[in-house]
Amino acid sequence: MSGIEGLGGIPGTVGGALWMNAGAYGHEIGNVTEIVRVAREGRVVEVPGHEVKWDYRHTSFREGELLLGATLRLERDDPEKIGARMLEAKNKRMATQPHGARSAGCFFKNPPGSVIGTGKMIDEMGMKGERRGGAIVSPVHANFIVTDGDNAKAADALALAEEIRERFRREKGIELEYEVELWRAGSQKSNESSKSGESGESLVNETAETQSFDNSTNSTGSIESTDTPDSKDL
């Protein structure tokens, strides 16, 4: 079944992918979502995919809702061709993104309408390898902030991220948006600008961690057939 080959290798859960409209290499999960099962206000409802607003790394799901599963509309295709596309996406990811280093994934969204990705712009500003404490702008892909050693703190990464955002404001007139969400102990998560250096702060990539469930279909991504031959239930 074809339609989400570009998502292969992205760490996370089905719920997280739906929450942020995860995508890569021309594929977004929102493009193939037929139904989302949502725990909303004390009951489980099925929301048609066309009623969801699927934006770039953002959707219309509301804080407090739990995404329990989804039915995806996929196309039949030659398994060898599907495998080749998955391998191509994997090879691109391995060649262009840091592996073996701890990170929260891509830190910033690409600016709306820009033909150049944020990572490329950070690189052109000469910030690859920039360090604050135990946090470093990855020398492999500048939209990743990776950690060095066991003493790196969220405050280090946030200080570095805010420096990048400030330079974008000053030099390019661009207000960079976080692709990660910022979580603070005792407060609601936020993806807005925040003070750096506060204790109890953690960085979370939405795909990987913001929506994890005990339901095994979400945590493992297992697939069960439905009555519709070209749909898959997750």
Foldseek 3Di string as FASTA:
>chain_A
DDQQLLCPPPAFWPQLLVAQQDDGDPGTQLVFFQWWWKCDPNDTDIDGSVVWAHDHRHIPDDPPMATDWTKTQADDDDPVVSVVSNVVSVVVCVQQDDPPFDWQPQWWAAFPPDPDGPQVVCVVVVQQQPFFVQWGQHVRTRRTITGDDDPDDPLRVLVVVVVSQVCCCVPPVDRIWTQWWKDAPPDDIGRDRDDGDDPRIDTHRSRHPPHDDPNCCTNPVDWDDDPDRRMIID
